[in-house]
């Protein structure tokens, strides 16, 4: 099946370059851009592979998208516009995303058994397992009788 039948018009147009950059400046994701142009993700990626101008425009659009969201975060880092109180949740997210080695949360879970010993694993049988064992036993018995 061709891309045209699946995703509508997949014919590349150089004017798409300016459109994706403008969408990136508004914070659109790559998926939103492809949808706005009426094509599927695969087609969008193929255009980037086949057309250097589109590839560069898409790279610029993705950079603009990131800039849009970072600026929005920075603008809203205080609890109220013009206020002096920091929105801790926004600040933590921005810092963890920008500087993951220094600011990302790290959780470590260790399991130990009683008194710091090894974790004990107990294997229990269910009714289904018991039935399966009976069937296997019957099959083995009938094979021995044959």
N, C-alpha and C. Protein backbone atom coordinates (compact mmCIF):
# COMPACT_ATOMS: atom_id res chain seq x y z
N UNK A 1 0.84 -1.17 0.00
CA UNK A 1 0.00 0.00 0.00
C UNK A 1 0.89 1.24 0.00
N UNK A 2 0.56 2.23 -0.77
CA UNK A 2 1.40 3.43 -0.84
C UNK A 2 1.07 4.39 0.29
N UNK A 3 2.00 5.32 0.55
CA UNK A 3 1.77 6.32 1.60
C UNK A 3 0.57 7.18 1.29
N UNK A 4 0.32 7.44 -0.02
CA UNK A 4 -0.82 8.27 -0.39
C UNK A 4 -2.13 7.67 0.09
N UNK A 5 -2.25 6.37 0.01
CA UNK A 5 -3.49 5.72 0.41
C UNK A 5 -3.67 5.72 1.92
N UNK A 6 -2.57 5.70 2.65
CA UNK A 6 -2.65 5.63 4.11
C UNK A 6 -2.76 7.01 4.73
N UNK A 7 -1.95 7.95 4.27
CA UNK A 7 -1.82 9.23 4.96
C UNK A 7 -2.25 10.44 4.14
N UNK A 8 -2.97 10.25 3.08
CA UNK A 8 -3.36 11.40 2.28
C UNK A 8 -2.23 11.84 1.38
N UNK A 9 -2.12 13.14 1.14
CA UNK A 9 -1.12 13.69 0.23
C UNK A 9 0.28 13.56 0.84
N UNK A 10 1.15 12.82 0.18
CA UNK A 10 2.52 12.69 0.68
C UNK A 10 3.52 13.33 -0.28
N UNK A 11 3.03 14.16 -1.20
CA UNK A 11 3.91 14.84 -2.15
C UNK A 11 4.63 15.97 -1.43
N UNK A 12 5.96 15.95 -1.51
CA UNK A 12 6.78 16.95 -0.84
C UNK A 12 6.66 18.29 -1.55
N UNK A 13 6.62 19.35 -0.78
CA UNK A 13 6.57 20.72 -1.28
C UNK A 13 7.60 21.52 -0.48
N UNK A 14 8.55 22.18 -1.14
CA UNK A 14 9.56 22.96 -0.41
C UNK A 14 8.99 24.02 0.53
N UNK A 15 7.74 24.44 0.31
CA UNK A 15 7.13 25.43 1.21
C UNK A 15 6.89 24.85 2.61
N UNK A 16 6.95 23.52 2.73
CA UNK A 16 6.77 22.87 4.03
C UNK A 16 7.90 23.26 4.99
N UNK A 17 9.06 23.60 4.45
CA UNK A 17 10.21 23.96 5.30
C UNK A 17 9.86 25.14 6.21
N UNK A 18 9.35 26.21 5.62
CA UNK A 18 9.00 27.40 6.41
C UNK A 18 7.86 27.08 7.37
N UNK A 19 6.94 26.24 6.94
CA UNK A 19 5.80 25.90 7.80
C UNK A 19 6.24 25.13 9.04
N UNK A 20 7.16 24.16 8.89
CA UNK A 20 7.56 23.40 10.07
C UNK A 20 8.37 24.27 11.04
N UNK A 21 9.17 25.18 10.51
CA UNK A 21 9.93 26.08 11.39
C UNK A 21 8.96 26.96 12.19
N UNK A 22 7.93 27.49 11.53
CA UNK A 22 6.94 28.32 12.23
C UNK A 22 6.19 27.51 13.29
N UNK A 23 5.87 26.26 12.97
CA UNK A 23 5.19 25.42 13.96
C UNK A 23 6.12 25.13 15.14
N UNK A 24 7.39 24.91 14.87
CA UNK A 24 8.35 24.69 15.94
C UNK A 24 8.42 25.89 16.87
N UNK A 25 8.37 27.09 16.31
CA UNK A 25 8.41 28.32 17.12
C UNK A 25 7.20 28.44 18.03
N UNK A 26 6.12 27.73 17.69
CA UNK A 26 4.90 27.73 18.52
C UNK A 26 4.88 26.56 19.49
N UNK A 27 5.96 25.75 19.48
CA UNK A 27 6.05 24.64 20.42
C UNK A 27 5.46 23.34 19.91
N UNK A 28 5.10 23.28 18.62
CA UNK A 28 4.52 22.06 18.07
C UNK A 28 5.55 20.92 18.11
N UNK A 29 5.08 19.73 18.40
CA UNK A 29 5.94 18.55 18.34
C UNK A 29 6.05 18.09 16.88
N UNK A 30 6.99 17.22 16.63
CA UNK A 30 7.16 16.66 15.29
C UNK A 30 5.88 15.96 14.84
N UNK A 31 5.22 15.29 15.78
CA UNK A 31 3.97 14.59 15.46
C UNK A 31 2.87 15.58 15.09
N UNK A 32 2.81 16.71 15.80
CA UNK A 32 1.82 17.73 15.46
C UNK A 32 2.12 18.35 14.10
N UNK A 33 3.40 18.54 13.80
CA UNK A 33 3.79 19.12 12.50
C UNK A 33 3.35 18.21 11.36
N UNK A 34 3.65 16.92 11.49
CA UNK A 34 3.29 16.00 10.40
C UNK A 34 1.78 15.94 10.24
N UNK A 35 1.06 15.96 11.35
CA UNK A 35 -0.40 15.94 11.28
C UNK A 35 -0.92 17.20 10.59
N UNK A 36 -0.35 18.35 10.93
CA UNK A 36 -0.78 19.61 10.32
C UNK A 36 -0.54 19.62 8.81
N UNK A 37 0.51 18.91 8.38
CA UNK A 37 0.79 18.83 6.94
C UNK A 37 0.02 17.69 6.27
N UNK A 38 -0.71 16.92 7.06
CA UNK A 38 -1.57 15.88 6.51
C UNK A 38 -0.84 14.62 6.08
N UNK A 39 0.30 14.34 6.74
CA UNK A 39 1.05 13.13 6.39
C UNK A 39 1.40 12.36 7.65
N UNK A 40 1.74 11.10 7.46
CA UNK A 40 2.13 10.26 8.58
C UNK A 40 3.59 10.48 8.97
N UNK A 41 3.94 9.94 10.11
CA UNK A 41 5.30 10.10 10.63
C UNK A 41 6.35 9.52 9.69
N UNK A 42 6.07 8.36 9.12
CA UNK A 42 7.04 7.72 8.22
C UNK A 42 7.32 8.61 7.01
N UNK A 43 6.27 9.17 6.45
CA UNK A 43 6.42 10.06 5.30
C UNK A 43 7.25 11.28 5.68
N UNK A 44 6.95 11.84 6.83
CA UNK A 44 7.66 13.01 7.33
C UNK A 44 9.15 12.71 7.47
N UNK A 45 9.47 11.56 8.05
CA UNK A 45 10.87 11.14 8.20
C UNK A 45 11.53 10.89 6.84
N UNK A 46 10.77 10.33 5.90
CA UNK A 46 11.31 10.10 4.56
C UNK A 46 11.65 11.42 3.86
N UNK A 47 10.80 12.43 4.04
CA UNK A 47 11.11 13.74 3.45
C UNK A 47 12.43 14.25 4.00
N UNK A 48 12.64 14.08 5.31
CA UNK A 48 13.88 14.56 5.93
C UNK A 48 15.09 13.82 5.38
N UNK A 49 14.92 12.55 5.05
CA UNK A 49 16.03 11.76 4.49
C UNK A 49 16.31 12.14 3.03
N UNK A 50 15.26 12.43 2.29
CA UNK A 50 15.40 12.67 0.84
C UNK A 50 15.67 14.13 0.47
N UNK A 51 15.27 15.05 1.34
CA UNK A 51 15.36 16.48 0.99
C UNK A 51 16.16 17.21 2.07
N UNK A 52 17.38 17.60 1.74
CA UNK A 52 18.26 18.24 2.71
C UNK A 52 17.65 19.53 3.26
N UNK A 53 16.94 20.28 2.41
CA UNK A 53 16.31 21.52 2.90
C UNK A 53 15.27 21.23 3.96
N UNK A 54 14.52 20.17 3.77
CA UNK A 54 13.50 19.81 4.76
C UNK A 54 14.17 19.28 6.03
N UNK A 55 15.23 18.51 5.87
CA UNK A 55 15.96 17.99 7.03
C UNK A 55 16.46 19.15 7.90
N UNK A 56 17.06 20.15 7.27
CA UNK A 56 17.56 21.30 8.02
C UNK A 56 16.41 22.09 8.67
N UNK A 57 15.32 22.23 7.94
CA UNK A 57 14.16 22.95 8.48
C UNK A 57 13.58 22.20 9.69
N UNK A 58 13.53 20.88 9.59
CA UNK A 58 13.01 20.08 10.69
C UNK A 58 13.92 20.17 11.92
N UNK A 59 15.23 20.15 11.69
CA UNK A 59 16.18 20.30 12.80
C UNK A 59 16.02 21.67 13.47
N UNK A 60 15.84 22.69 12.66
CA UNK A 60 15.61 24.03 13.20
C UNK A 60 14.28 24.08 13.96
N UNK A 61 13.26 23.45 13.41
CA UNK A 61 11.94 23.43 14.05
C UNK A 61 12.00 22.74 15.41
N UNK A 62 12.75 21.65 15.49
CA UNK A 62 12.88 20.92 16.76
C UNK A 62 13.64 21.78 17.78
N UNK A 63 14.64 22.49 17.32
CA UNK A 63 15.37 23.41 18.21
C UNK A 63 14.45 24.52 18.69
N UNK A 64 13.64 25.06 17.78
CA UNK A 64 12.69 26.13 18.14
C UNK A 64 11.64 25.60 19.11
N UNK A 65 11.19 24.36 18.91
CA UNK A 65 10.22 23.74 19.81
C UNK A 65 10.79 23.67 21.23
N UNK A 66 12.02 23.20 21.35
CA UNK A 66 12.68 23.10 22.65
C UNK A 66 12.81 24.48 23.28
N UNK A 67 13.21 25.46 22.50
CA UNK A 67 13.36 26.82 23.00
C UNK A 67 12.02 27.36 23.50
N UNK A 68 10.95 27.10 22.76
CA UNK A 68 9.61 27.55 23.16
C UNK A 68 9.27 27.03 24.55
N UNK A 69 9.44 25.72 24.76
CA UNK A 69 9.06 25.12 26.04
C UNK A 69 10.00 25.52 27.17
N UNK A 70 11.28 25.68 26.88
CA UNK A 70 12.20 26.16 27.92
C UNK A 70 11.85 27.58 28.33
N UNK A 71 11.57 28.44 27.36
CA UNK A 71 11.19 29.82 27.68
C UNK A 71 9.90 29.86 28.48
N UNK A 72 8.94 29.02 28.13
CA UNK A 72 7.69 28.98 28.87
C UNK A 72 7.94 28.56 30.32
N UNK A 73 8.81 27.59 30.51
CA UNK A 73 9.15 27.16 31.87
C UNK A 73 9.81 28.27 32.65
N UNK A 74 10.76 28.96 32.01
CA UNK A 74 11.45 30.05 32.69
C UNK A 74 10.51 31.20 33.02
N UNK A 75 9.55 31.47 32.13
CA UNK A 75 8.59 32.55 32.38
C UNK A 75 7.67 32.21 33.55
N UNK A 76 7.47 30.93 33.80
CA UNK A 76 6.54 30.50 34.83
C UNK A 76 7.23 29.88 36.04
N UNK A 77 8.49 30.20 36.19
CA UNK A 77 9.25 29.63 37.30
C UNK A 77 8.85 30.29 38.63
N UNK A 78 8.24 31.47 38.56
CA UNK A 78 7.73 32.08 39.78
C UNK A 78 6.24 31.75 39.89
N UNK A 79 5.74 31.70 41.12
CA UNK A 79 4.35 31.26 41.33
C UNK A 79 3.32 32.19 40.71
N UNK A 80 3.60 33.48 40.70
CA UNK A 80 2.68 34.44 40.10
C UNK A 80 3.49 35.42 39.26
N UNK A 81 2.94 35.85 38.11
CA UNK A 81 3.69 36.79 37.27
C UNK A 81 4.15 38.01 38.07
N UNK A 82 5.43 38.29 37.96
CA UNK A 82 6.00 39.43 38.67
C UNK A 82 6.29 39.14 40.14
N UNK A 83 5.93 37.97 40.60
CA UNK A 83 6.14 37.62 42.01
C UNK A 83 7.58 37.27 42.29
N UNK A 84 7.87 37.08 43.56
CA UNK A 84 9.24 36.75 43.95
C UNK A 84 9.35 35.32 44.47
N UNK A 85 8.24 34.64 44.60
CA UNK A 85 8.27 33.29 45.17
C UNK A 85 8.43 32.26 44.05
N UNK A 86 9.45 31.44 44.20
CA UNK A 86 9.80 30.43 43.21
C UNK A 86 8.80 29.26 43.24
N UNK A 87 8.41 28.80 42.06
CA UNK A 87 7.59 27.59 41.96
C UNK A 87 8.56 26.41 41.97
N UNK A 88 8.69 25.78 43.12
CA UNK A 88 9.67 24.72 43.31
C UNK A 88 9.53 23.56 42.35
N UNK A 89 8.30 23.17 42.05
CA UNK A 89 8.09 22.02 41.16
C UNK A 89 8.60 22.34 39.75
N UNK A 90 8.29 23.52 39.26
CA UNK A 90 8.75 23.92 37.93
C UNK A 90 10.28 24.02 37.92
N UNK A 91 10.83 24.66 38.95
CA UNK A 91 12.28 24.81 39.04
C UNK A 91 12.97 23.45 39.04
N UNK A 92 12.48 22.51 39.85
CA UNK A 92 13.08 21.18 39.92
C UNK A 92 13.04 20.47 38.57
N UNK A 93 11.93 20.56 37.87
CA UNK A 93 11.81 19.91 36.56
C UNK A 93 12.79 20.51 35.56
N UNK A 94 12.88 21.83 35.54
CA UNK A 94 13.79 22.50 34.61
C UNK A 94 15.23 22.09 34.90
N UNK A 95 15.62 22.16 36.16
CA UNK A 95 17.00 21.84 36.51
C UNK A 95 17.33 20.37 36.23
N UNK A 96 16.40 19.47 36.55
CA UNK A 96 16.64 18.04 36.31
C UNK A 96 16.75 17.75 34.82
N UNK A 97 15.96 18.46 34.02
CA UNK A 97 16.00 18.24 32.57
C UNK A 97 17.27 18.84 31.95
N UNK A 98 17.68 19.99 32.42
CA UNK A 98 18.84 20.66 31.84
C UNK A 98 20.16 20.13 32.36
N UNK A 99 20.19 19.72 33.62
CA UNK A 99 21.43 19.27 34.25
C UNK A 99 21.19 17.92 34.96
N UNK A 100 20.91 16.88 34.20
CA UNK A 100 20.52 15.61 34.82
C UNK A 100 21.58 15.00 35.74
N UNK A 101 22.85 15.21 35.46
CA UNK A 101 23.89 14.62 36.31
C UNK A 101 23.89 15.22 37.71
N UNK A 102 23.51 16.49 37.81
CA UNK A 102 23.55 17.16 39.11
C UNK A 102 22.19 17.22 39.80
N UNK A 103 21.10 17.28 39.04
CA UNK A 103 19.82 17.59 39.65
C UNK A 103 18.74 16.52 39.49
N UNK A 104 18.98 15.47 38.74
CA UNK A 104 17.90 14.49 38.58
C UNK A 104 17.76 13.66 39.84
N UNK A 105 16.55 13.23 40.08
CA UNK A 105 16.30 12.39 41.24
C UNK A 105 16.83 10.99 40.97
N UNK A 106 17.41 10.43 42.01
CA UNK A 106 17.91 9.06 41.90
C UNK A 106 17.35 8.26 43.05
N UNK A 107 16.62 7.24 42.72
CA UNK A 107 16.07 6.36 43.74
C UNK A 107 16.74 5.01 43.62
N UNK A 108 17.13 4.48 44.75
CA UNK A 108 17.76 3.17 44.76
C UNK A 108 16.97 2.29 45.72
N UNK A 109 16.59 1.12 45.24
CA UNK A 109 15.82 0.19 46.06
C UNK A 109 16.65 -1.07 46.25
N UNK A 110 16.84 -1.44 47.49
CA UNK A 110 17.55 -2.68 47.80
C UNK A 110 16.63 -3.56 48.61
N UNK A 111 16.61 -4.83 48.27
CA UNK A 111 15.78 -5.79 49.00
C UNK A 111 16.68 -6.71 49.81
N UNK A 112 16.32 -6.87 51.07
CA UNK A 112 17.04 -7.83 51.90
C UNK A 112 16.00 -8.62 52.69
N UNK A 113 16.41 -9.78 53.09
CA UNK A 113 15.53 -10.62 53.88
C UNK A 113 15.61 -10.27 55.36
N UNK A 114 15.05 -11.13 56.18
CA UNK A 114 15.05 -10.92 57.62
C UNK A 114 16.47 -10.78 58.14
N UNK A 115 16.68 -9.87 59.05
CA UNK A 115 17.98 -9.62 59.68
C UNK A 115 19.08 -9.33 58.67
N UNK A 116 18.73 -8.73 57.54
CA UNK A 116 19.72 -8.36 56.54
C UNK A 116 20.19 -9.51 55.67
N UNK A 117 19.57 -10.67 55.82
CA UNK A 117 19.97 -11.84 55.03
C UNK A 117 19.37 -11.82 53.64
N UNK A 118 19.57 -12.93 52.96
CA UNK A 118 19.05 -13.07 51.60
C UNK A 118 17.53 -13.09 51.60
N UNK A 119 16.96 -12.64 50.50
CA UNK A 119 15.51 -12.68 50.34
C UNK A 119 15.11 -14.13 50.11
N UNK A 120 14.17 -14.59 50.89
CA UNK A 120 13.69 -15.97 50.75
C UNK A 120 12.57 -16.00 49.72
N UNK A 121 12.66 -16.94 48.80
CA UNK A 121 11.64 -17.09 47.76
C UNK A 121 10.89 -18.38 48.02
N UNK A 122 9.60 -18.25 48.08
CA UNK A 122 8.76 -19.41 48.34
C UNK A 122 7.96 -19.72 47.08
N UNK A 123 8.01 -20.97 46.67
CA UNK A 123 7.29 -21.39 45.48
C UNK A 123 6.03 -22.12 45.92
N UNK A 124 4.89 -21.63 45.51
CA UNK A 124 3.64 -22.29 45.86
C UNK A 124 2.97 -22.79 44.60
N UNK A 125 2.22 -23.86 44.75
CA UNK A 125 1.51 -24.44 43.62
C UNK A 125 0.06 -23.97 43.63
N UNK A 126 -0.44 -23.79 42.45
CA UNK A 126 -1.85 -23.43 42.34
C UNK A 126 -2.60 -24.66 41.88
N UNK A 127 -3.89 -24.56 41.89
CA UNK A 127 -4.73 -25.67 41.44
C UNK A 127 -4.39 -26.03 40.00
N UNK A 128 -4.14 -25.03 39.18
CA UNK A 128 -3.79 -25.30 37.78
C UNK A 128 -2.51 -26.10 37.67
N UNK A 129 -1.54 -25.81 38.50
CA UNK A 129 -0.27 -26.55 38.50
C UNK A 129 -0.51 -27.99 38.93
N UNK A 130 -1.37 -28.19 39.93
CA UNK A 130 -1.67 -29.55 40.39
C UNK A 130 -2.34 -30.36 39.30
N UNK A 131 -3.25 -29.75 38.56
CA UNK A 131 -3.93 -30.45 37.46
C UNK A 131 -2.93 -30.79 36.37
N UNK A 132 -2.05 -29.86 36.05
CA UNK A 132 -1.03 -30.10 35.04
C UNK A 132 -0.12 -31.25 35.47
N UNK A 133 0.26 -31.30 36.72
CA UNK A 133 1.10 -32.39 37.21
C UNK A 133 0.38 -33.74 37.09
N UNK A 134 -0.91 -33.74 37.38
CA UNK A 134 -1.68 -34.99 37.24
C UNK A 134 -1.73 -35.43 35.79
N UNK A 135 -1.93 -34.52 34.88
CA UNK A 135 -1.99 -34.86 33.45
C UNK A 135 -0.65 -35.40 32.99
N UNK A 136 0.44 -34.72 33.38
CA UNK A 136 1.78 -35.19 33.00
C UNK A 136 2.05 -36.56 33.58
N UNK A 137 1.64 -36.80 34.83
CA UNK A 137 1.81 -38.11 35.45
C UNK A 137 1.05 -39.18 34.70
N UNK A 138 -0.18 -38.87 34.30
CA UNK A 138 -0.99 -39.84 33.55
C UNK A 138 -0.35 -40.15 32.21
N UNK A 139 0.18 -39.15 31.54
CA UNK A 139 0.83 -39.36 30.25
C UNK A 139 2.07 -40.23 30.40
N UNK A 140 2.85 -39.96 31.43
CA UNK A 140 4.05 -40.76 31.67
C UNK A 140 3.68 -42.20 31.99
N UNK A 141 2.63 -42.39 32.76
CA UNK A 141 2.18 -43.73 33.13
C UNK A 141 1.72 -44.49 31.90
N UNK A 142 0.95 -43.81 31.01
CA UNK A 142 0.45 -44.49 29.82
C UNK A 142 1.60 -44.83 28.85
N UNK A 143 2.63 -43.96 28.82
CA UNK A 143 3.80 -44.24 27.97
C UNK A 143 4.55 -45.46 28.49
N UNK A 144 4.61 -45.65 29.80
CA UNK A 144 5.30 -46.81 30.36
C UNK A 144 4.52 -48.09 30.08
N UNK A 145 3.20 -47.98 30.03
CA UNK A 145 2.36 -49.17 29.81
C UNK A 145 2.39 -49.61 28.35
N UNK A 146 2.68 -48.69 27.44
CA UNK A 146 2.67 -49.02 26.00
C UNK A 146 3.82 -49.82 25.59
